[in-house]
């Protein structure tokens, strides 16, 4: 049974469209990415799924139960981190987590959670002195406190340095391996490509394509090999179809007779696919 089931959900803000006819499902132990430009409906979707927005049309089921039937217990089962951190600047990092932990029926040890996100050395420092990236990590720590079955993340790596981003990526992959589900909204194609089991392209409040990133790139890319080699002192390039590549005499001749600089497939990025499908860019 999917842990998230959304069927024909519609939400408008007056005359302004949020989402319109949205339908999808997310499996347990899956990192599911919502990929789209700003204003596409990503944040509206998350706000519906975490019960911030309740005046929507359609049906949403979480963990096999209609979302409208969930009470306060729901927040002991999920974790949420939005793009802009929700933390208190006048408290220390540890005090923040201890305060939020008091809301839950059960929770992980706040100091241990700080260690998970790499903030253990800043536990007793006021958040007012934190950088944007540190606040982002603290907000993620807050979302991890109830040891959630489903983690909702909105632009989770925004503002993080490369080392911190790598740490958080590894954390999310570990959560997936332990059977937890991550619902991730982003316009960062590289994050989605690296982390997500499936991505959904959303435009104007509608999903236009869903699939595994690797499979989408194979299906919608050129089946070509591009080879860069040195001939007569010059760097040259040539392209060959993947079909019957081992029997392509010109390709084999180049391999035999020339210094090879690079060989790669002409694989599209998720942004290339998004542009091809929607006619729009991700940003």
C-alpha atoms as a PDB file:
ATOM      1  CA  UNK A   1       0.000   0.000   0.000  1.00  0.00           C
ATOM      2  CA  UNK A   2       1.388   3.457  -0.880  1.00  0.00           C
ATOM      3  CA  UNK A   3       2.138   5.680   2.104  1.00  0.00           C
ATOM      4  CA  UNK A   4       0.932   8.755   0.204  1.00  0.00           C
ATOM      5  CA  UNK A   5      -2.042   8.668  -2.178  1.00  0.00           C
ATOM      6  CA  UNK A   6      -3.287  11.852  -3.833  1.00  0.00           C
ATOM      7  CA  UNK A   7      -6.283  11.766  -6.143  1.00  0.00           C
ATOM      8  CA  UNK A   8      -7.637  14.687  -8.167  1.00  0.00           C
ATOM      9  CA  UNK A   9      -6.646  17.358  -5.628  1.00  0.00           C
ATOM     10  CA  UNK A  10      -7.478  20.942  -6.460  1.00  0.00           C
ATOM     11  CA  UNK A  11      -6.571  24.076  -4.508  1.00  0.00           C
ATOM     12  CA  UNK A  12      -7.080  27.675  -5.648  1.00  0.00           C
ATOM     13  CA  UNK A  13      -6.279  30.917  -3.827  1.00  0.00           C
ATOM     14  CA  UNK A  14      -9.218  32.932  -5.064  1.00  0.00           C
ATOM     15  CA  UNK A  15      -8.628  33.067  -8.824  1.00  0.00           C
ATOM     16  CA  UNK A  16      -4.979  31.998  -8.483  1.00  0.00           C
ATOM     17  CA  UNK A  17      -4.233  28.339  -9.164  1.00  0.00           C
ATOM     18  CA  UNK A  18      -2.275  26.385  -6.542  1.00  0.00           C
ATOM     19  CA  UNK A  19      -2.729  22.829  -7.792  1.00  0.00           C
ATOM     20  CA  UNK A  20      -5.332  21.550 -10.222  1.00  0.00           C
ATOM     21  CA  UNK A  21      -6.291  17.897 -10.660  1.00  0.00           C
ATOM     22  CA  UNK A  22      -3.203  16.573  -8.891  1.00  0.00           C
ATOM     23  CA  UNK A  23      -2.895  12.760  -8.669  1.00  0.00           C
ATOM     24  CA  UNK A  24       0.113  10.642  -7.614  1.00  0.00           C
ATOM     25  CA  UNK A  25       1.232   8.019  -5.113  1.00  0.00           C
ATOM     26  CA  UNK A  26       4.423   7.457  -3.124  1.00  0.00           C
ATOM     27  CA  UNK A  27       5.661   4.066  -1.910  1.00  0.00           C
ATOM     28  CA  UNK A  28       7.199   3.236   1.451  1.00  0.00           C
ATOM     29  CA  UNK A  29      10.991   3.491   1.424  1.00  0.00           C
ATOM     30  CA  UNK A  30      11.031   5.817  -1.575  1.00  0.00           C
ATOM     31  CA  UNK A  31      12.584   9.240  -2.124  1.00  0.00           C
ATOM     32  CA  UNK A  32      10.009  10.955  -4.304  1.00  0.00           C
ATOM     33  CA  UNK A  33      10.913  14.263  -5.898  1.00  0.00           C
ATOM     34  CA  UNK A  34       8.619  17.079  -6.990  1.00  0.00           C
ATOM     35  CA  UNK A  35      10.557  18.906  -9.669  1.00  0.00           C
ATOM     36  CA  UNK A  36       9.343  22.218 -10.990  1.00  0.00           C
ATOM     37  CA  UNK A  37       9.969  25.952 -11.242  1.00  0.00           C
ATOM     38  CA  UNK A  38       8.925  28.450  -8.588  1.00  0.00           C
ATOM     39  CA  UNK A  39       5.160  28.848  -8.557  1.00  0.00           C
ATOM     40  CA  UNK A  40       4.495  25.416 -10.046  1.00  0.00           C
ATOM     41  CA  UNK A  41       2.558  24.139  -7.024  1.00  0.00           C
ATOM     42  CA  UNK A  42       5.276  22.323  -5.086  1.00  0.00           C
ATOM     43  CA  UNK A  43       4.886  24.180  -1.789  1.00  0.00           C
ATOM     44  CA  UNK A  44       1.089  24.147  -2.030  1.00  0.00           C
ATOM     45  CA  UNK A  45       1.249  20.365  -2.373  1.00  0.00           C
ATOM     46  CA  UNK A  46       3.409  19.999   0.734  1.00  0.00           C
ATOM     47  CA  UNK A  47       1.173  22.336   2.737  1.00  0.00           C
ATOM     48  CA  UNK A  48      -1.804  20.149   1.863  1.00  0.00           C
ATOM     49  CA  UNK A  49       0.059  16.955   2.774  1.00  0.00           C
ATOM     50  CA  UNK A  50       1.094  18.292   6.194  1.00  0.00           C
ATOM     51  CA  UNK A  51      -2.390  19.705   6.934  1.00  0.00           C
ATOM     52  CA  UNK A  52      -1.500  23.391   6.846  1.00  0.00           C
ATOM     53  CA  UNK A  53      -3.960  23.853   3.975  1.00  0.00           C
ATOM     54  CA  UNK A  54      -7.234  22.034   4.605  1.00  0.00           C
ATOM     55  CA  UNK A  55      -9.710  23.668   2.224  1.00  0.00           C
ATOM     56  CA  UNK A  56      -8.817  21.602  -0.832  1.00  0.00           C
ATOM     57  CA  UNK A  57     -10.904  19.438  -3.116  1.00  0.00           C
ATOM     58  CA  UNK A  58     -10.097  15.791  -3.820  1.00  0.00           C
ATOM     59  CA  UNK A  59      -8.775  12.917  -1.721  1.00  0.00           C
ATOM     60  CA  UNK A  60      -5.503  12.489   0.145  1.00  0.00           C
ATOM     61  CA  UNK A  61      -4.575   9.340   2.051  1.00  0.00           C
ATOM     62  CA  UNK A  62      -1.497   9.115   4.266  1.00  0.00           C
ATOM     63  CA  UNK A  63      -0.404   5.778   5.733  1.00  0.00           C
ATOM     64  CA  UNK A  64      -3.666   4.245   4.502  1.00  0.00           C
ATOM     65  CA  UNK A  65      -5.917   6.777   6.213  1.00  0.00           C
ATOM     66  CA  UNK A  66      -7.819   9.742   4.816  1.00  0.00           C
ATOM     67  CA  UNK A  67      -5.828  12.846   5.709  1.00  0.00           C
ATOM     68  CA  UNK A  68      -8.949  14.646   6.927  1.00  0.00           C
ATOM     69  CA  UNK A  69      -9.402  11.937   9.583  1.00  0.00           C
ATOM     70  CA  UNK A  70      -5.932  12.328  11.079  1.00  0.00           C
ATOM     71  CA  UNK A  71      -5.733  14.263  14.342  1.00  0.00           C
ATOM     72  CA  UNK A  72      -2.747  15.464  16.348  1.00  0.00           C
ATOM     73  CA  UNK A  73      -1.238  11.980  16.264  1.00  0.00           C
ATOM     74  CA  UNK A  74      -0.382  12.653  12.611  1.00  0.00           C
ATOM     75  CA  UNK A  75       2.482  14.927  13.638  1.00  0.00           C
ATOM     76  CA  UNK A  76       4.084  12.113  15.612  1.00  0.00           C
ATOM     77  CA  UNK A  77       4.378  10.173  12.343  1.00  0.00           C
ATOM     78  CA  UNK A  78       5.808  12.838  10.023  1.00  0.00           C
ATOM     79  CA  UNK A  79       8.626  15.391   9.936  1.00  0.00           C
ATOM     80  CA  UNK A  80       8.533  18.656   8.001  1.00  0.00           C
ATOM     81  CA  UNK A  81      11.234  21.108   6.940  1.00  0.00           C
ATOM     82  CA  UNK A  82      10.307  24.033   4.719  1.00  0.00           C
ATOM     83  CA  UNK A  83      12.635  26.141   2.585  1.00  0.00           C
ATOM     84  CA  UNK A  84      12.833  28.850   5.255  1.00  0.00           C
ATOM     85  CA  UNK A  85      13.916  27.487   8.670  1.00  0.00           C
ATOM     86  CA  UNK A  86      11.408  27.622  11.537  1.00  0.00           C
ATOM     87  CA  UNK A  87      13.712  28.012  14.527  1.00  0.00           C
ATOM     88  CA  UNK A  88      14.033  30.458  17.411  1.00  0.00           C
ATOM     89  CA  UNK A  89      17.003  32.828  17.241  1.00  0.00           C
ATOM     90  CA  UNK A  90      17.064  33.662  20.969  1.00  0.00           C
ATOM     91  CA  UNK A  91      17.472  30.028  21.984  1.00  0.00           C
ATOM     92  CA  UNK A  92      20.486  27.799  21.565  1.00  0.00           C
ATOM     93  CA  UNK A  93      20.408  24.945  19.074  1.00  0.00           C
ATOM     94  CA  UNK A  94      19.857  22.416  21.854  1.00  0.00           C
ATOM     95  CA  UNK A  95      17.188  24.543  23.545  1.00  0.00           C
ATOM     96  CA  UNK A  96      15.354  24.748  20.209  1.00  0.00           C
ATOM     97  CA  UNK A  97      15.243  20.985  19.884  1.00  0.00           C
ATOM     98  CA  UNK A  98      14.331  20.423  23.519  1.00  0.00           C
ATOM     99  CA  UNK A  99      11.443  22.861  23.097  1.00  0.00           C
ATOM    100  CA  UNK A 100      10.149  21.175  19.924  1.00  0.00           C
ATOM    101  CA  UNK A 101      10.683  17.724  21.440  1.00  0.00           C
ATOM    102  CA  UNK A 102       8.191  18.601  24.180  1.00  0.00           C
ATOM    103  CA  UNK A 103       5.417  18.587  21.550  1.00  0.00           C
ATOM    104  CA  UNK A 104       5.852  14.907  20.706  1.00  0.00           C
ATOM    105  CA  UNK A 105       4.589  11.794  22.420  1.00  0.00           C
ATOM    106  CA  UNK A 106       8.001  10.220  21.806  1.00  0.00           C
ATOM    107  CA  UNK A 107      11.123  11.594  20.215  1.00  0.00           C
ATOM    108  CA  UNK A 108      14.800  11.025  19.581  1.00  0.00           C
ATOM    109  CA  UNK A 109      17.443  12.481  21.886  1.00  0.00           C
ATOM    110  CA  UNK A 110      17.932  16.150  20.830  1.00  0.00           C
ATOM    111  CA  UNK A 111      21.706  16.073  21.241  1.00  0.00           C
ATOM    112  CA  UNK A 112      21.969  12.902  19.173  1.00  0.00           C
ATOM    113  CA  UNK A 113      19.916  14.527  16.423  1.00  0.00           C
ATOM    114  CA  UNK A 114      22.281  17.509  16.431  1.00  0.00           C
ATOM    115  CA  UNK A 115      25.132  15.056  15.899  1.00  0.00           C
ATOM    116  CA  UNK A 116      23.303  13.508  12.954  1.00  0.00           C
ATOM    117  CA  UNK A 117      23.177  16.847  11.103  1.00  0.00           C
ATOM    118  CA  UNK A 118      26.656  17.932  12.195  1.00  0.00           C
ATOM    119  CA  UNK A 119      25.732  20.589  14.754  1.00  0.00           C
ATOM    120  CA  UNK A 120      26.896  18.904  17.972  1.00  0.00           C
ATOM    121  CA  UNK A 121      29.658  21.490  18.472  1.00  0.00           C
ATOM    122  CA  UNK A 122      27.109  24.306  18.180  1.00  0.00           C
ATOM    123  CA  UNK A 123      24.598  22.802  20.637  1.00  0.00           C
ATOM    124  CA  UNK A 124      25.017  25.559  23.230  1.00  0.00           C
ATOM    125  CA  UNK A 125      25.341  28.477  20.823  1.00  0.00           C
ATOM    126  CA  UNK A 126      22.563  30.986  20.196  1.00  0.00           C
ATOM    127  CA  UNK A 127      20.862  30.485  16.841  1.00  0.00           C
ATOM    128  CA  UNK A 128      21.009  34.244  16.240  1.00  0.00           C
ATOM    129  CA  UNK A 129      24.681  33.772  15.347  1.00  0.00           C
ATOM    130  CA  UNK A 130      24.047  30.898  12.934  1.00  0.00           C
ATOM    131  CA  UNK A 131      24.608  31.109   9.208  1.00  0.00           C
ATOM    132  CA  UNK A 132      21.792  30.322   6.781  1.00  0.00           C
ATOM    133  CA  UNK A 133      23.188  26.843   6.254  1.00  0.00           C
ATOM    134  CA  UNK A 134      23.431  26.150   9.995  1.00  0.00           C
ATOM    135  CA  UNK A 135      19.820  27.238  10.479  1.00  0.00           C
ATOM    136  CA  UNK A 136      18.839  24.947   7.633  1.00  0.00           C
ATOM    137  CA  UNK A 137      20.540  22.000   9.327  1.00  0.00           C
ATOM    138  CA  UNK A 138      18.886  22.847  12.648  1.00  0.00           C
ATOM    139  CA  UNK A 139      15.498  22.957  10.937  1.00  0.00           C
ATOM    140  CA  UNK A 140      16.163  19.531   9.457  1.00  0.00           C
ATOM    141  CA  UNK A 141      17.132  18.302  12.929  1.00  0.00           C
ATOM    142  CA  UNK A 142      13.798  19.588  14.212  1.00  0.00           C
ATOM    143  CA  UNK A 143      12.021  17.589  11.485  1.00  0.00           C
ATOM    144  CA  UNK A 144      13.920  14.446  12.473  1.00  0.00           C
ATOM    145  CA  UNK A 145      12.994  14.637  16.166  1.00  0.00           C
ATOM    146  CA  UNK A 146       9.899  12.376  16.060  1.00  0.00           C
ATOM    147  CA  UNK A 147      11.811   9.740  14.069  1.00  0.00           C
ATOM    148  CA  UNK A 148       9.240  10.209  11.289  1.00  0.00           C
ATOM    149  CA  UNK A 149       7.923   7.553   8.939  1.00  0.00           C
ATOM    150  CA  UNK A 150       7.532  10.239   6.271  1.00  0.00           C
ATOM    151  CA  UNK A 151       9.823  13.235   5.943  1.00  0.00           C
ATOM    152  CA  UNK A 152       8.596  16.220   3.933  1.00  0.00           C
ATOM    153  CA  UNK A 153      11.409  18.462   2.712  1.00  0.00           C
ATOM    154  CA  UNK A 154      11.193  21.702   0.737  1.00  0.00           C
ATOM    155  CA  UNK A 155      14.541  22.625  -0.904  1.00  0.00           C
ATOM    156  CA  UNK A 156      16.506  20.727   1.791  1.00  0.00           C
ATOM    157  CA  UNK A 157      20.002  21.624   0.538  1.00  0.00           C
ATOM    158  CA  UNK A 158      19.420  25.320  -0.089  1.00  0.00           C
ATOM    159  CA  UNK A 159      22.218  27.377   1.470  1.00  0.00           C
ATOM    160  CA  UNK A 160      24.388  24.414   2.501  1.00  0.00           C
ATOM    161  CA  UNK A 161      28.104  24.191   1.740  1.00  0.00           C
ATOM    162  CA  UNK A 162      29.183  21.149  -0.325  1.00  0.00           C
ATOM    163  CA  UNK A 163      30.378  19.119   2.686  1.00  0.00           C
ATOM    164  CA  UNK A 164      27.162  19.725   4.619  1.00  0.00           C
ATOM    165  CA  UNK A 165      25.065  18.982   1.534  1.00  0.00           C
ATOM    166  CA  UNK A 166      26.870  15.668   1.109  1.00  0.00           C
ATOM    167  CA  UNK A 167      26.214  14.789   4.748  1.00  0.00           C
ATOM    168  CA  UNK A 168      22.503  15.497   4.400  1.00  0.00           C
ATOM    169  CA  UNK A 169      22.278  13.552   1.126  1.00  0.00           C
ATOM    170  CA  UNK A 170      23.866  10.540   2.812  1.00  0.00           C
ATOM    171  CA  UNK A 171      21.448  10.900   5.725  1.00  0.00           C
ATOM    172  CA  UNK A 172      18.444  10.858   3.375  1.00  0.00           C
ATOM    173  CA  UNK A 173      19.770   7.808   1.548  1.00  0.00           C
ATOM    174  CA  UNK A 174      20.253   6.029   4.886  1.00  0.00           C
ATOM    175  CA  UNK A 175      16.670   6.879   5.857  1.00  0.00           C
ATOM    176  CA  UNK A 176      15.443   5.366   2.609  1.00  0.00           C
ATOM    177  CA  UNK A 177      17.425   2.199   3.266  1.00  0.00           C
ATOM    178  CA  UNK A 178      15.782   1.905   6.690  1.00  0.00           C
ATOM    179  CA  UNK A 179      12.334   1.968   5.059  1.00  0.00           C
ATOM    180  CA  UNK A 180      11.419   5.595   5.655  1.00  0.00           C
ATOM    181  CA  UNK A 181       9.836   7.737   2.958  1.00  0.00           C
ATOM    182  CA  UNK A 182      11.109  11.135   1.839  1.00  0.00           C
ATOM    183  CA  UNK A 183       8.926  13.554  -0.118  1.00  0.00           C
ATOM    184  CA  UNK A 184      11.264  16.159  -1.543  1.00  0.00           C
ATOM    185  CA  UNK A 185      10.318  19.315  -3.437  1.00  0.00           C
ATOM    186  CA  UNK A 186      13.009  21.127  -5.368  1.00  0.00           C
ATOM    187  CA  UNK A 187      13.913  22.992  -8.531  1.00  0.00           C
ATOM    188  CA  UNK A 188      17.486  21.680  -8.245  1.00  0.00           C
ATOM    189  CA  UNK A 189      17.815  19.015 -10.946  1.00  0.00           C
ATOM    190  CA  UNK A 190      21.117  17.698  -9.576  1.00  0.00           C
ATOM    191  CA  UNK A 191      19.644  17.010  -6.143  1.00  0.00           C
ATOM    192  CA  UNK A 192      16.668  15.217  -7.679  1.00  0.00           C
ATOM    193  CA  UNK A 193      18.853  13.213 -10.054  1.00  0.00           C
ATOM    194  CA  UNK A 194      21.168  12.005  -7.298  1.00  0.00           C
ATOM    195  CA  UNK A 195      18.628  11.251  -4.584  1.00  0.00           C
ATOM    196  CA  UNK A 196      15.245  10.424  -6.038  1.00  0.00           C
ATOM    197  CA  UNK A 197      13.858   7.013  -6.932  1.00  0.00           C
ATOM    198  CA  UNK A 198      11.174   8.801  -8.918  1.00  0.00           C
ATOM    199  CA  UNK A 199      10.567  12.389  -9.893  1.00  0.00           C
ATOM    200  CA  UNK A 200       7.340  14.104 -10.850  1.00  0.00           C
ATOM    201  CA  UNK A 201       7.513  17.127 -13.159  1.00  0.00           C
ATOM    202  CA  UNK A 202       4.918  19.651 -12.044  1.00  0.00           C
ATOM    203  CA  UNK A 203       3.869  22.728 -14.030  1.00  0.00           C
ATOM    204  CA  UNK A 204       0.915  25.029 -13.404  1.00  0.00           C
ATOM    205  CA  UNK A 205      -0.344  22.785 -10.628  1.00  0.00           C
ATOM    206  CA  UNK A 206      -0.396  19.629 -12.779  1.00  0.00           C
ATOM    207  CA  UNK A 207       1.957  16.648 -13.025  1.00  0.00           C
ATOM    208  CA  UNK A 208       3.081  16.208 -16.618  1.00  0.00           C
ATOM    209  CA  UNK A 209       5.604  13.361 -16.266  1.00  0.00           C
ATOM    210  CA  UNK A 210       6.656  10.817 -13.602  1.00  0.00           C
ATOM    211  CA  UNK A 211       9.541   8.390 -13.715  1.00  0.00           C
ATOM    212  CA  UNK A 212      12.903   7.199 -12.452  1.00  0.00           C
ATOM    213  CA  UNK A 213      15.572   9.792 -13.368  1.00  0.00           C
ATOM    214  CA  UNK A 214      17.868   7.254 -15.007  1.00  0.00           C
ATOM    215  CA  UNK A 215      15.088   5.641 -17.001  1.00  0.00           C
ATOM    216  CA  UNK A 216      13.781   9.025 -18.149  1.00  0.00           C
ATOM    217  CA  UNK A 217      17.223  10.018 -19.401  1.00  0.00           C
ATOM    218  CA  UNK A 218      17.600   6.772 -21.323  1.00  0.00           C
ATOM    219  CA  UNK A 219      14.102   6.952 -22.772  1.00  0.00           C
ATOM    220  CA  UNK A 220      14.221  10.596 -23.784  1.00  0.00           C
ATOM    221  CA  UNK A 221      17.897  11.008 -24.641  1.00  0.00           C
ATOM    222  CA  UNK A 222      19.901  10.461 -27.787  1.00  0.00           C
ATOM    223  CA  UNK A 223      21.306   6.938 -28.071  1.00  0.00           C
ATOM    224  CA  UNK A 224      24.726   8.191 -29.088  1.00  0.00           C
ATOM    225  CA  UNK A 225      28.336   7.869 -27.973  1.00  0.00           C
ATOM    226  CA  UNK A 226      30.499  10.971 -28.215  1.00  0.00           C
ATOM    227  CA  UNK A 227      34.239  10.373 -28.460  1.00  0.00           C
ATOM    228  CA  UNK A 228      36.983  12.981 -28.099  1.00  0.00           C
ATOM    229  CA  UNK A 229      40.380  12.011 -29.504  1.00  0.00           C
ATOM    230  CA  UNK A 230      43.713  13.450 -30.734  1.00  0.00           C
ATOM    231  CA  UNK A 231      44.566  13.276 -34.449  1.00  0.00           C
ATOM    232  CA  UNK A 232      47.473  15.115 -36.125  1.00  0.00           C
ATOM    233  CA  UNK A 233      47.948  17.174 -32.989  1.00  0.00           C
ATOM    234  CA  UNK A 234      44.336  18.387 -32.924  1.00  0.00           C
ATOM    235  CA  UNK A 235      41.512  17.406 -30.571  1.00  0.00           C
ATOM    236  CA  UNK A 236      38.577  16.089 -32.578  1.00  0.00           C
ATOM    237  CA  UNK A 237      35.160  14.715 -31.742  1.00  0.00           C
ATOM    238  CA  UNK A 238      32.900  12.164 -33.373  1.00  0.00           C
ATOM    239  CA  UNK A 239      29.494  10.667 -32.593  1.00  0.00           C
ATOM    240  CA  UNK A 240      28.329   7.093 -33.123  1.00  0.00           C
ATOM    241  CA  UNK A 241      24.979   5.353 -32.516  1.00  0.00           C
ATOM    242  CA  UNK A 242      24.909   2.958 -29.557  1.00  0.00           C
ATOM    243  CA  UNK A 243      23.290   0.268 -31.715  1.00  0.00           C
ATOM    244  CA  UNK A 244      25.925  -2.219 -32.955  1.00  0.00           C
ATOM    245  CA  UNK A 245      28.696  -0.036 -31.548  1.00  0.00           C
ATOM    246  CA  UNK A 246      31.035  -3.023 -31.218  1.00  0.00           C
ATOM    247  CA  UNK A 247      30.774  -3.603 -34.968  1.00  0.00           C
ATOM    248  CA  UNK A 248      31.241   0.017 -36.036  1.00  0.00           C
ATOM    249  CA  UNK A 249      34.529  -0.011 -37.962  1.00  0.00           C
ATOM    250  CA  UNK A 250      35.126   3.735 -37.806  1.00  0.00           C
ATOM    251  CA  UNK A 251      34.612   3.765 -34.028  1.00  0.00           C
ATOM    252  CA  UNK A 252      36.980   0.802 -33.620  1.00  0.00           C
ATOM    253  CA  UNK A 253      39.563   2.416 -35.913  1.00  0.00           C
ATOM    254  CA  UNK A 254      39.631   5.551 -33.790  1.00  0.00           C
ATOM    255  CA  UNK A 255      40.128   3.460 -30.661  1.00  0.00           C
ATOM    256  CA  UNK A 256      43.033   1.599 -32.274  1.00  0.00           C
ATOM    257  CA  UNK A 257      44.830   4.497 -33.927  1.00  0.00           C
ATOM    258  CA  UNK A 258      44.349   7.569 -31.737  1.00  0.00           C
ATOM    259  CA  UNK A 259      44.812   8.870 -28.226  1.00  0.00           C
ATOM    260  CA  UNK A 260      41.380   8.952 -26.583  1.00  0.00           C
ATOM    261  CA  UNK A 261      40.609  11.945 -24.395  1.00  0.00           C
ATOM    262  CA  UNK A 262      37.012  11.181 -23.438  1.00  0.00           C
ATOM    263  CA  UNK A 263      34.091   8.899 -24.237  1.00  0.00           C
ATOM    264  CA  UNK A 264      30.604   9.607 -22.958  1.00  0.00           C
ATOM    265  CA  UNK A 265      26.977   9.026 -23.818  1.00  0.00           C
ATOM    266  CA  UNK A 266      24.930  11.987 -24.982  1.00  0.00           C
ATOM    267  CA  UNK A 267      22.649  11.811 -21.961  1.00  0.00           C
ATOM    268  CA  UNK A 268      20.185  14.613 -21.239  1.00  0.00           C
ATOM    269  CA  UNK A 269      19.910  16.222 -17.822  1.00  0.00           C
ATOM    270  CA  UNK A 270      16.609  16.324 -15.989  1.00  0.00           C
ATOM    271  CA  UNK A 271      16.437  19.995 -16.905  1.00  0.00           C
ATOM    272  CA  UNK A 272      16.792  19.075 -20.595  1.00  0.00           C
ATOM    273  CA  UNK A 273      13.926  16.600 -20.227  1.00  0.00           C
ATOM    274  CA  UNK A 274      11.831  19.119 -18.311  1.00  0.00           C
ATOM    275  CA  UNK A 275      12.368  21.701 -21.045  1.00  0.00           C
ATOM    276  CA  UNK A 276      11.516  19.156 -23.746  1.00  0.00           C
ATOM    277  CA  UNK A 277       8.313  18.038 -22.015  1.00  0.00           C
ATOM    278  CA  UNK A 278       7.039  21.395 -20.789  1.00  0.00           C
ATOM    279  CA  UNK A 279       8.729  24.005 -22.933  1.00  0.00           C
ATOM    280  CA  UNK A 280       9.880  25.720 -19.739  1.00  0.00           C
ATOM    281  CA  UNK A 281      13.030  25.871 -17.652  1.00  0.00           C
ATOM    282  CA  UNK A 282      13.194  24.830 -14.021  1.00  0.00           C
ATOM    283  CA  UNK A 283      14.163  28.307 -12.810  1.00  0.00           C
END
